[in-house]
PDB file of N, CA and C in Angstrom:
ATOM      1  N   UNK A   1      11.969   5.798   3.595  1.00  0.00           N
ATOM      2  CA  UNK A   1      11.064   6.439   2.460  1.00  0.00           C
ATOM      3  C   UNK A   1       9.664   5.405   2.299  1.00  0.00           C
ATOM      4  N   UNK A   2       8.446   5.908   2.126  1.00  0.00           N
ATOM      5  CA  UNK A   2       7.101   5.152   1.997  1.00  0.00           C
ATOM      6  C   UNK A   2       7.327   4.581   0.613  1.00  0.00           C
ATOM      7  N   UNK A   3       6.048   4.294   0.697  1.00  0.00           N
ATOM      8  CA  UNK A   3       5.883   3.541  -1.183  1.00  0.00           C
ATOM      9  C   UNK A   3       5.665   4.844  -1.778  1.00  0.00           C
ATOM     10  N   UNK A   4       6.360   4.772  -3.064  1.00  0.00           N
ATOM     11  CA  UNK A   4       6.148   5.812  -4.246  1.00  0.00           C
ATOM     12  C   UNK A   4       4.780   6.011  -4.704  1.00  0.00           C
ATOM     13  N   UNK A   5       4.342   7.199  -4.818  1.00  0.00           N
ATOM     14  CA  UNK A   5       2.958   7.297  -5.580  1.00  0.00           C
ATOM     15  C   UNK A   5       3.410   7.732  -7.129  1.00  0.00           C
ATOM     16  N   UNK A   6       2.538   7.608  -7.698  1.00  0.00           N
ATOM     17  CA  UNK A   6       2.701   7.652  -9.326  1.00  0.00           C
ATOM     18  C   UNK A   6       3.519   8.820  -9.963  1.00  0.00           C
ATOM     19  N   UNK A   7       3.283  10.222  -9.331  1.00  0.00           N
ATOM     20  CA  UNK A   7       3.888  11.231  -9.520  1.00  0.00           C
ATOM     21  C   UNK A   7       5.137  11.201  -9.384  1.00  0.00           C
ATOM     22  N   UNK A   8       5.819  10.529  -8.264  1.00  0.00           N
ATOM     23  CA  UNK A   8       7.229  10.559  -7.656  1.00  0.00           C
ATOM     24  C   UNK A   8       7.820   9.440  -8.810  1.00  0.00           C
ATOM     25  N   UNK A   9       7.378   8.009  -9.159  1.00  0.00           N
ATOM     26  CA  UNK A   9       7.530   6.979  -9.955  1.00  0.00           C
ATOM     27  C   UNK A   9       7.803   7.672 -11.407  1.00  0.00           C
ATOM     28  N   UNK A  10       6.790   7.967 -11.907  1.00  0.00           N
ATOM     29  CA  UNK A  10       7.111   8.610 -12.779  1.00  0.00           C
ATOM     30  C   UNK A  10       7.915   9.999 -13.322  1.00  0.00           C
ATOM     31  N   UNK A  11       7.517  10.825 -12.432  1.00  0.00           N
ATOM     32  CA  UNK A  11       8.680  11.730 -12.179  1.00  0.00           C
ATOM     33  C   UNK A  11       8.012  12.942 -13.201  1.00  0.00           C
ATOM     34  N   UNK A  12       6.340  13.040 -13.462  1.00  0.00           N
ATOM     35  CA  UNK A  12       5.903  13.994 -14.323  1.00  0.00           C
ATOM     36  C   UNK A  12       5.980  15.368 -14.296  1.00  0.00           C
ATOM     37  N   UNK A  13       5.810  15.399 -12.729  1.00  0.00           N
ATOM     38  CA  UNK A  13       5.922  17.177 -12.493  1.00  0.00           C
ATOM     39  C   UNK A  13       4.578  17.446 -12.424  1.00  0.00           C
ATOM     40  N   UNK A  14       3.667  16.739 -12.198  1.00  0.00           N
ATOM     41  CA  UNK A  14       1.771  17.163 -12.516  1.00  0.00           C
ATOM     42  C   UNK A  14       1.396  17.108 -10.856  1.00  0.00           C
ATOM     43  N   UNK A  15       2.049  16.927  -9.939  1.00  0.00           N
ATOM     44  CA  UNK A  15       1.440  17.253  -8.625  1.00  0.00           C
ATOM     45  C   UNK A  15       1.548  18.607  -7.971  1.00  0.00           C
ATOM     46  N   UNK A  16       0.882  19.007  -7.037  1.00  0.00           N
ATOM     47  CA  UNK A  16       0.638  20.223  -6.708  1.00  0.00           C
ATOM     48  C   UNK A  16       2.081  20.960  -6.400  1.00  0.00           C
ATOM     49  N   UNK A  17       2.381  21.935  -7.227  1.00  0.00           N
ATOM     50  CA  UNK A  17       3.357  22.749  -7.228  1.00  0.00           C
ATOM     51  C   UNK A  17       4.791  21.798  -8.201  1.00  0.00           C
ATOM     52  N   UNK A  18       4.379  20.637  -8.959  1.00  0.00           N
ATOM     53  CA  UNK A  18       5.587  20.184  -9.515  1.00  0.00           C
ATOM     54  C   UNK A  18       5.771  21.136 -10.605  1.00  0.00           C
ATOM     55  N   UNK A  19       6.850  20.991 -11.425  1.00  0.00           N
ATOM     56  CA  UNK A  19       7.452  21.537 -12.173  1.00  0.00           C
ATOM     57  C   UNK A  19       6.682  22.037 -13.684  1.00  0.00           C
ATOM     58  N   UNK A  20       5.563  20.625 -13.753  1.00  0.00           N
ATOM     59  CA  UNK A  20       4.861  20.744 -15.067  1.00  0.00           C
ATOM     60  C   UNK A  20       3.253  21.084 -14.993  1.00  0.00           C
ATOM     61  N   UNK A  21       2.983  21.654 -13.671  1.00  0.00           N
ATOM     62  CA  UNK A  21       1.550  22.130 -13.562  1.00  0.00           C
ATOM     63  C   UNK A  21       1.374  23.283 -14.285  1.00  0.00           C
ATOM     64  N   UNK A  22       2.093  24.316 -14.717  1.00  0.00           N
ATOM     65  CA  UNK A  22       1.889  25.561 -15.320  1.00  0.00           C
ATOM     66  C   UNK A  22       1.200  25.037 -16.912  1.00  0.00           C
ATOM     67  N   UNK A  23       2.231  24.230 -17.501  1.00  0.00           N
ATOM     68  CA  UNK A  23       2.002  23.606 -18.830  1.00  0.00           C
ATOM     69  C   UNK A  23       1.199  22.577 -19.104  1.00  0.00           C
ATOM     70  N   UNK A  24       0.737  21.577 -17.821  1.00  0.00           N
ATOM     71  CA  UNK A  24      -0.097  20.418 -18.173  1.00  0.00           C
ATOM     72  C   UNK A  24      -1.023  20.511 -17.376  1.00  0.00           C
ATOM     73  N   UNK A  25      -1.008  21.343 -16.023  1.00  0.00           N
ATOM     74  CA  UNK A  25      -1.917  21.098 -14.932  1.00  0.00           C
ATOM     75  C   UNK A  25      -1.818  20.318 -13.913  1.00  0.00           C
ATOM     76  N   UNK A  26      -2.641  20.362 -12.824  1.00  0.00           N
ATOM     77  CA  UNK A  26      -2.233  19.492 -11.626  1.00  0.00           C
ATOM     78  C   UNK A  26      -3.148  17.902 -12.154  1.00  0.00           C
ATOM     79  N   UNK A  27      -2.655  17.190 -11.838  1.00  0.00           N
ATOM     80  CA  UNK A  27      -2.948  15.559 -12.201  1.00  0.00           C
ATOM     81  C   UNK A  27      -4.294  15.352 -11.216  1.00  0.00           C
ATOM     82  N   UNK A  28      -4.970  14.704 -11.365  1.00  0.00           N
ATOM     83  CA  UNK A  28      -6.203  14.341 -10.489  1.00  0.00           C
ATOM     84  C   UNK A  28      -5.937  13.388  -9.382  1.00  0.00           C
ATOM     85  N   UNK A  29      -4.901  12.650 -10.090  1.00  0.00           N
ATOM     86  CA  UNK A  29      -4.344  11.546  -9.031  1.00  0.00           C
ATOM     87  C   UNK A  29      -4.062  12.098  -7.712  1.00  0.00           C
ATOM     88  N   UNK A  30      -3.169  13.086  -7.891  1.00  0.00           N
ATOM     89  CA  UNK A  30      -2.298  13.824  -6.964  1.00  0.00           C
ATOM     90  C   UNK A  30      -3.403  14.800  -5.784  1.00  0.00           C
ATOM     91  N   UNK A  31      -4.549  14.841  -6.075  1.00  0.00           N
ATOM     92  CA  UNK A  31      -5.363  15.483  -5.062  1.00  0.00           C
ATOM     93  C   UNK A  31      -6.683  14.684  -4.950  1.00  0.00           C
ATOM     94  N   UNK A  32      -7.057  13.376  -5.490  1.00  0.00           N
ATOM     95  CA  UNK A  32      -7.992  12.701  -5.092  1.00  0.00           C
ATOM     96  C   UNK A  32      -8.245  12.186  -3.809  1.00  0.00           C
ATOM     97  N   UNK A  33      -8.834  13.006  -2.907  1.00  0.00           N
ATOM     98  CA  UNK A  33      -8.913  12.451  -1.734  1.00  0.00           C
ATOM     99  C   UNK A  33      -9.774  11.305  -1.069  1.00  0.00           C
ATOM    100  N   UNK A  34     -10.554  10.979  -1.925  1.00  0.00           N
ATOM    101  CA  UNK A  34     -11.700   9.861  -1.737  1.00  0.00           C
ATOM    102  C   UNK A  34     -11.006   8.398  -1.612  1.00  0.00           C
ATOM    103  N   UNK A  35      -9.755   8.673  -2.166  1.00  0.00           N
ATOM    104  CA  UNK A  35      -9.065   7.351  -2.158  1.00  0.00           C
ATOM    105  C   UNK A  35      -7.651   7.423  -1.664  1.00  0.00           C
ATOM    106  N   UNK A  36      -7.689   8.601  -0.530  1.00  0.00           N
ATOM    107  CA  UNK A  36      -6.051   8.819   0.013  1.00  0.00           C
ATOM    108  C   UNK A  36      -5.973   7.574   0.780  1.00  0.00           C
ATOM    109  N   UNK A  37      -4.810   6.604   0.790  1.00  0.00           N
ATOM    110  CA  UNK A  37      -4.232   5.266   1.597  1.00  0.00           C
ATOM    111  C   UNK A  37      -4.539   4.533   0.865  1.00  0.00           C
ATOM    112  N   UNK A  38      -5.507   4.507  -0.121  1.00  0.00           N
ATOM    113  CA  UNK A  38      -5.508   3.208  -0.914  1.00  0.00           C
ATOM    114  C   UNK A  38      -4.210   2.474  -1.343  1.00  0.00           C
ATOM    115  N   UNK A  39      -4.171   1.255  -1.585  1.00  0.00           N
ATOM    116  CA  UNK A  39      -2.788   0.792  -1.692  1.00  0.00           C
ATOM    117  C   UNK A  39      -1.435   1.466  -1.104  1.00  0.00           C
ATOM    118  N   UNK A  40      -1.601   2.466  -0.116  1.00  0.00           N
ATOM    119  CA  UNK A  40      -0.416   2.590   0.652  1.00  0.00           C
ATOM    120  C   UNK A  40      -0.150   4.192   0.193  1.00  0.00           C
ATOM    121  N   UNK A  41      -0.898   4.572  -0.796  1.00  0.00           N
ATOM    122  CA  UNK A  41      -0.415   5.828  -1.187  1.00  0.00           C
ATOM    123  C   UNK A  41      -1.075   7.244  -0.530  1.00  0.00           C
ATOM    124  N   UNK A  42      -0.788   8.514  -1.234  1.00  0.00           N
ATOM    125  CA  UNK A  42      -1.034   9.743  -0.893  1.00  0.00           C
ATOM    126  C   UNK A  42      -2.050  10.274  -1.979  1.00  0.00           C
ATOM    127  N   UNK A  43      -3.557  10.612  -1.648  1.00  0.00           N
ATOM    128  CA  UNK A  43      -4.358  11.016  -2.278  1.00  0.00           C
ATOM    129  C   UNK A  43      -4.646   9.348  -3.458  1.00  0.00           C
ATOM    130  N   UNK A  44      -4.810  10.057  -4.818  1.00  0.00           N
ATOM    131  CA  UNK A  44      -4.508   8.608  -5.816  1.00  0.00           C
ATOM    132  C   UNK A  44      -3.338   8.185  -5.786  1.00  0.00           C
ATOM    133  N   UNK A  45      -2.566   8.491  -5.446  1.00  0.00           N
ATOM    134  CA  UNK A  45      -1.086   8.096  -6.140  1.00  0.00           C
ATOM    135  C   UNK A  45      -0.794   6.922  -6.185  1.00  0.00           C
ATOM    136  N   UNK A  46      -1.060   5.919  -5.656  1.00  0.00           N
ATOM    137  CA  UNK A  46      -1.084   4.525  -5.968  1.00  0.00           C
ATOM    138  C   UNK A  46      -2.416   3.668  -6.209  1.00  0.00           C
ATOM    139  N   UNK A  47      -3.518   4.641  -6.889  1.00  0.00           N
ATOM    140  CA  UNK A  47      -4.763   4.232  -7.867  1.00  0.00           C
ATOM    141  C   UNK A  47      -4.915   4.866  -8.798  1.00  0.00           C
ATOM    142  N   UNK A  48      -3.916   5.404  -9.433  1.00  0.00           N
ATOM    143  CA  UNK A  48      -3.920   6.358 -10.652  1.00  0.00           C
ATOM    144  C   UNK A  48      -4.895   5.531 -11.603  1.00  0.00           C
ATOM    145  N   UNK A  49      -4.516   4.489 -12.100  1.00  0.00           N
ATOM    146  CA  UNK A  49      -5.622   3.690 -12.867  1.00  0.00           C
ATOM    147  C   UNK A  49      -6.958   3.900 -12.921  1.00  0.00           C
ATOM    148  N   UNK A  50      -7.298   4.045 -11.758  1.00  0.00           N
ATOM    149  CA  UNK A  50      -8.644   4.205 -11.506  1.00  0.00           C
ATOM    150  C   UNK A  50      -9.466   5.501 -11.392  1.00  0.00           C
ATOM    151  N   UNK A  51      -8.648   6.339 -11.635  1.00  0.00           N
ATOM    152  CA  UNK A  51      -9.091   7.922 -11.778  1.00  0.00           C
ATOM    153  C   UNK A  51      -8.834   8.558 -12.919  1.00  0.00           C
ATOM    154  N   UNK A  52     -10.108   9.219 -13.218  1.00  0.00           N
ATOM    155  CA  UNK A  52     -10.166   9.616 -14.539  1.00  0.00           C
ATOM    156  C   UNK A  52      -9.993  10.976 -14.529  1.00  0.00           C
ATOM    157  N   UNK A  53      -9.339  11.185 -15.800  1.00  0.00           N
ATOM    158  CA  UNK A  53      -8.769  12.924 -15.765  1.00  0.00           C
ATOM    159  C   UNK A  53      -7.044  12.690 -15.897  1.00  0.00           C
ATOM    160  N   UNK A  54      -6.443  11.631 -15.311  1.00  0.00           N
ATOM    161  CA  UNK A  54      -4.973  11.671 -15.518  1.00  0.00           C
ATOM    162  C   UNK A  54      -4.396  11.578 -16.750  1.00  0.00           C
ATOM    163  N   UNK A  55      -2.968  12.109 -16.847  1.00  0.00           N
ATOM    164  CA  UNK A  55      -2.167  12.368 -18.220  1.00  0.00           C
ATOM    165  C   UNK A  55      -1.277  11.460 -18.310  1.00  0.00           C
ATOM    166  N   UNK A  56      -1.663  10.300 -19.192  1.00  0.00           N
ATOM    167  CA  UNK A  56      -0.891   9.200 -19.751  1.00  0.00           C
ATOM    168  C   UNK A  56      -0.500   9.084 -20.867  1.00  0.00           C
ATOM    169  N   UNK A  57       0.511   8.651 -21.135  1.00  0.00           N
ATOM    170  CA  UNK A  57       0.874   8.492 -22.923  1.00  0.00           C
ATOM    171  C   UNK A  57       0.709   9.957 -23.469  1.00  0.00           C
ATOM    172  N   UNK A  58       0.725  11.252 -22.916  1.00  0.00           N
ATOM    173  CA  UNK A  58       0.314  12.401 -23.465  1.00  0.00           C
ATOM    174  C   UNK A  58      -0.855  12.869 -23.710  1.00  0.00           C
ATOM    175  N   UNK A  59      -1.689  11.571 -23.219  1.00  0.00           N
ATOM    176  CA  UNK A  59      -2.966  12.517 -23.254  1.00  0.00           C
ATOM    177  C   UNK A  59      -3.953  12.154 -22.065  1.00  0.00           C
ATOM    178  N   UNK A  60      -5.047  12.730 -22.128  1.00  0.00           N
ATOM    179  CA  UNK A  60      -5.635  13.270 -20.760  1.00  0.00           C
ATOM    180  C   UNK A  60      -6.745  11.857 -20.789  1.00  0.00           C
ATOM    181  N   UNK A  61      -6.606  10.841 -19.849  1.00  0.00           N
ATOM    182  CA  UNK A  61      -7.734  10.079 -20.036  1.00  0.00           C
ATOM    183  C   UNK A  61      -9.193  10.014 -19.444  1.00  0.00           C
ATOM    184  N   UNK A  62     -10.079  10.269 -20.082  1.00  0.00           N
ATOM    185  CA  UNK A  62     -11.052  10.364 -20.016  1.00  0.00           C
ATOM    186  C   UNK A  62     -12.519   9.733 -19.166  1.00  0.00           C
ATOM    187  N   UNK A  63     -11.888   8.561 -19.443  1.00  0.00           N
ATOM    188  CA  UNK A  63     -12.618   7.340 -19.006  1.00  0.00           C
ATOM    189  C   UNK A  63     -12.033   6.177 -18.324  1.00  0.00           C
ATOM    190  N   UNK A  64     -12.731   5.395 -17.978  1.00  0.00           N
ATOM    191  CA  UNK A  64     -11.876   4.268 -17.132  1.00  0.00           C
ATOM    192  C   UNK A  64     -11.329   3.493 -18.100  1.00  0.00           C
ATOM    193  N   UNK A  65     -12.383   3.266 -19.162  1.00  0.00           N
ATOM    194  CA  UNK A  65     -12.230   2.074 -20.126  1.00  0.00           C
ATOM    195  C   UNK A  65     -10.568   2.672 -20.594  1.00  0.00           C
ATOM    196  N   UNK A  66     -10.429   4.173 -21.248  1.00  0.00           N
ATOM    197  CA  UNK A  66      -9.691   4.187 -21.555  1.00  0.00           C
ATOM    198  C   UNK A  66      -8.195   4.264 -20.896  1.00  0.00           C
ATOM    199  N   UNK A  67      -8.249   4.219 -19.453  1.00  0.00           N
ATOM    200  CA  UNK A  67      -7.431   4.230 -18.596  1.00  0.00           C
ATOM    201  C   UNK A  67      -6.859   3.027 -18.279  1.00  0.00           C
ATOM    202  N   UNK A  68      -7.513   1.961 -18.415  1.00  0.00           N
ATOM    203  CA  UNK A  68      -7.317   0.569 -18.306  1.00  0.00           C
ATOM    204  C   UNK A  68      -6.799   0.105 -19.359  1.00  0.00           C
ATOM    205  N   UNK A  69      -7.382   0.317 -20.360  1.00  0.00           N
ATOM    206  CA  UNK A  69      -6.241   0.140 -21.907  1.00  0.00           C
ATOM    207  C   UNK A  69      -4.908   0.492 -21.873  1.00  0.00           C
ATOM    208  N   UNK A  70      -4.394   1.885 -21.378  1.00  0.00           N
ATOM    209  CA  UNK A  70      -3.303   2.211 -21.523  1.00  0.00           C
ATOM    210  C   UNK A  70      -2.728   2.085 -20.271  1.00  0.00           C
ATOM    211  N   UNK A  71      -3.078   1.544 -19.053  1.00  0.00           N
ATOM    212  CA  UNK A  71      -2.802   1.182 -18.108  1.00  0.00           C
ATOM    213  C   UNK A  71      -2.019  -0.319 -18.198  1.00  0.00           C
ATOM    214  N   UNK A  72      -2.439  -1.058 -18.996  1.00  0.00           N
ATOM    215  CA  UNK A  72      -2.238  -2.650 -18.963  1.00  0.00           C
ATOM    216  C   UNK A  72      -0.687  -2.646 -19.430  1.00  0.00           C
ATOM    217  N   UNK A  73       0.362  -3.053 -18.541  1.00  0.00           N
ATOM    218  CA  UNK A  73       1.846  -3.160 -19.105  1.00  0.00           C
ATOM    219  C   UNK A  73       2.407  -1.586 -18.368  1.00  0.00           C
ATOM    220  N   UNK A  74       1.571  -0.943 -17.410  1.00  0.00           N
ATOM    221  CA  UNK A  74       2.597  -0.004 -16.918  1.00  0.00           C
ATOM    222  C   UNK A  74       3.246  -0.172 -16.023  1.00  0.00           C
ATOM    223  N   UNK A  75       4.606  -0.054 -16.004  1.00  0.00           N
ATOM    224  CA  UNK A  75       5.647  -0.228 -14.670  1.00  0.00           C
ATOM    225  C   UNK A  75       5.199   0.070 -13.289  1.00  0.00           C
ATOM    226  N   UNK A  76       4.406   1.250 -13.494  1.00  0.00           N
ATOM    227  CA  UNK A  76       4.084   1.904 -12.124  1.00  0.00           C
ATOM    228  C   UNK A  76       2.833   0.744 -11.260  1.00  0.00           C
ATOM    229  N   UNK A  77       1.922   0.802 -12.529  1.00  0.00           N
ATOM    230  CA  UNK A  77       0.856  -0.239 -11.839  1.00  0.00           C
ATOM    231  C   UNK A  77       1.254  -1.449 -11.342  1.00  0.00           C
ATOM    232  N   UNK A  78       2.238  -2.292 -12.248  1.00  0.00           N
ATOM    233  CA  UNK A  78       2.947  -3.155 -12.133  1.00  0.00           C
ATOM    234  C   UNK A  78       3.703  -3.502 -10.861  1.00  0.00           C
ATOM    235  N   UNK A  79       4.289  -2.295 -10.568  1.00  0.00           N
ATOM    236  CA  UNK A  79       5.035  -2.372  -9.174  1.00  0.00           C
ATOM    237  C   UNK A  79       4.426  -2.250  -7.886  1.00  0.00           C
ATOM    238  N   UNK A  80       2.744  -1.343  -8.101  1.00  0.00           N
ATOM    239  CA  UNK A  80       2.051  -1.489  -6.929  1.00  0.00           C
ATOM    240  C   UNK A  80       1.335  -2.857  -6.948  1.00  0.00           C
ATOM    241  N   UNK A  81       1.273  -3.684  -7.985  1.00  0.00           N
ATOM    242  CA  UNK A  81       0.617  -4.812  -7.714  1.00  0.00           C
ATOM    243  C   UNK A  81       1.451  -5.573  -6.973  1.00  0.00           C
ATOM    244  N   UNK A  82       3.006  -5.543  -7.544  1.00  0.00           N
ATOM    245  CA  UNK A  82       3.841  -6.651  -6.706  1.00  0.00           C
ATOM    246  C   UNK A  82       4.025  -6.170  -5.623  1.00  0.00           C
ATOM    247  N   UNK A  83       4.223  -4.784  -4.955  1.00  0.00           N
ATOM    248  CA  UNK A  83       4.271  -4.356  -3.679  1.00  0.00           C
ATOM    249  C   UNK A  83       2.654  -4.745  -2.365  1.00  0.00           C
ATOM    250  N   UNK A  84       1.993  -4.695  -3.241  1.00  0.00           N
ATOM    251  CA  UNK A  84       0.621  -4.948  -2.468  1.00  0.00           C
ATOM    252  C   UNK A  84       0.063  -6.245  -2.630  1.00  0.00           C
ATOM    253  N   UNK A  85       0.369  -7.091  -3.634  1.00  0.00           N
ATOM    254  CA  UNK A  85      -0.138  -8.606  -3.420  1.00  0.00           C
ATOM    255  C   UNK A  85      -1.579  -8.810  -3.327  1.00  0.00           C
ATOM    256  N   UNK A  86      -1.866  -9.613  -2.399  1.00  0.00           N
ATOM    257  CA  UNK A  86      -3.205  -9.632  -2.249  1.00  0.00           C
ATOM    258  C   UNK A  86      -4.392  -8.686  -1.523  1.00  0.00           C
ATOM    259  N   UNK A  87      -3.261  -8.092  -0.956  1.00  0.00           N
ATOM    260  CA  UNK A  87      -3.712  -6.640  -0.813  1.00  0.00           C
ATOM    261  C   UNK A  87      -4.299  -5.495  -1.400  1.00  0.00           C
ATOM    262  N   UNK A  88      -3.876  -5.772  -2.702  1.00  0.00           N
ATOM    263  CA  UNK A  88      -4.182  -4.767  -3.798  1.00  0.00           C
ATOM    264  C   UNK A  88      -5.951  -4.318  -4.008  1.00  0.00           C
ATOM    265  N   UNK A  89      -5.813  -3.286  -4.269  1.00  0.00           N
ATOM    266  CA  UNK A  89      -7.337  -2.685  -4.322  1.00  0.00           C
ATOM    267  C   UNK A  89      -7.684  -2.513  -5.936  1.00  0.00           C
ATOM    268  N   UNK A  90      -8.556  -3.205  -6.477  1.00  0.00           N
ATOM    269  CA  UNK A  90      -8.728  -3.254  -8.143  1.00  0.00           C
ATOM    270  C   UNK A  90      -9.603  -1.549  -8.279  1.00  0.00           C
ATOM    271  N   UNK A  91      -9.662  -1.220  -9.646  1.00  0.00           N
ATOM    272  CA  UNK A  91     -10.425  -0.370  -9.908  1.00  0.00           C
ATOM    273  C   UNK A  91     -12.077  -0.721  -9.396  1.00  0.00           C
ATOM    274  N   UNK A  92     -12.095  -1.865  -9.744  1.00  0.00           N
ATOM    275  CA  UNK A  92     -14.108  -1.781  -9.158  1.00  0.00           C
ATOM    276  C   UNK A  92     -14.034  -1.651  -7.356  1.00  0.00           C
ATOM    277  N   UNK A  93     -12.902  -2.284  -6.519  1.00  0.00           N
ATOM    278  CA  UNK A  93     -13.120  -2.219  -5.539  1.00  0.00           C
ATOM    279  C   UNK A  93     -12.945  -0.335  -4.880  1.00  0.00           C
ATOM    280  N   UNK A  94     -12.192   0.385  -5.740  1.00  0.00           N
ATOM    281  CA  UNK A  94     -11.811   1.689  -5.337  1.00  0.00           C
ATOM    282  C   UNK A  94     -13.316   2.521  -6.111  1.00  0.00           C
ATOM    283  N   UNK A  95     -13.758   2.108  -7.362  1.00  0.00           N
ATOM    284  CA  UNK A  95     -15.023   2.511  -7.509  1.00  0.00           C
ATOM    285  C   UNK A  95     -16.047   2.578  -6.649  1.00  0.00           C
ATOM    286  N   UNK A  96     -16.432   1.103  -6.045  1.00  0.00           N
ATOM    287  CA  UNK A  96     -17.103   1.163  -4.551  1.00  0.00           C
ATOM    288  C   UNK A  96     -16.999   2.246  -3.420  1.00  0.00           C
ATOM    289  N   UNK A  97     -15.544   2.253  -3.426  1.00  0.00           N
ATOM    290  CA  UNK A  97     -15.456   3.625  -2.098  1.00  0.00           C
ATOM    291  C   UNK A  97     -15.481   4.782  -2.655  1.00  0.00           C
ATOM    292  N   UNK A  98     -15.688   5.094  -3.386  1.00  0.00           N
ATOM    293  CA  UNK A  98     -16.145   6.627  -4.328  1.00  0.00           C
ATOM    294  C   UNK A  98     -17.395   6.861  -4.241  1.00  0.00           C
ATOM    295  N   UNK A  99     -18.055   5.811  -4.370  1.00  0.00           N
ATOM    296  CA  UNK A  99     -20.061   6.200  -4.802  1.00  0.00           C
ATOM    297  C   UNK A  99     -20.387   6.545  -3.622  1.00  0.00           C
TER     298      UNK A  99
END
């Protein structure tokens, strides 16, 4: 099995075809193709902390500042950091790629 994406790790059901899409919508991390492959993920699945509009802690994160505040201490983000080590793409590196 490959590296887990956020929706697989968190089991949120907000990926295309997921069980919670009708209620919560499709998460932008699961469809953001400009960052496909970053940190070994599918679309934004391993860079979710750098993608605005994701649903975290029950609230849509509508700014990078809100996301970064809420992502500090996130088990998934910490897992990706451990997996990637020195190869981890940070939010600023990801932002540079999407400009």
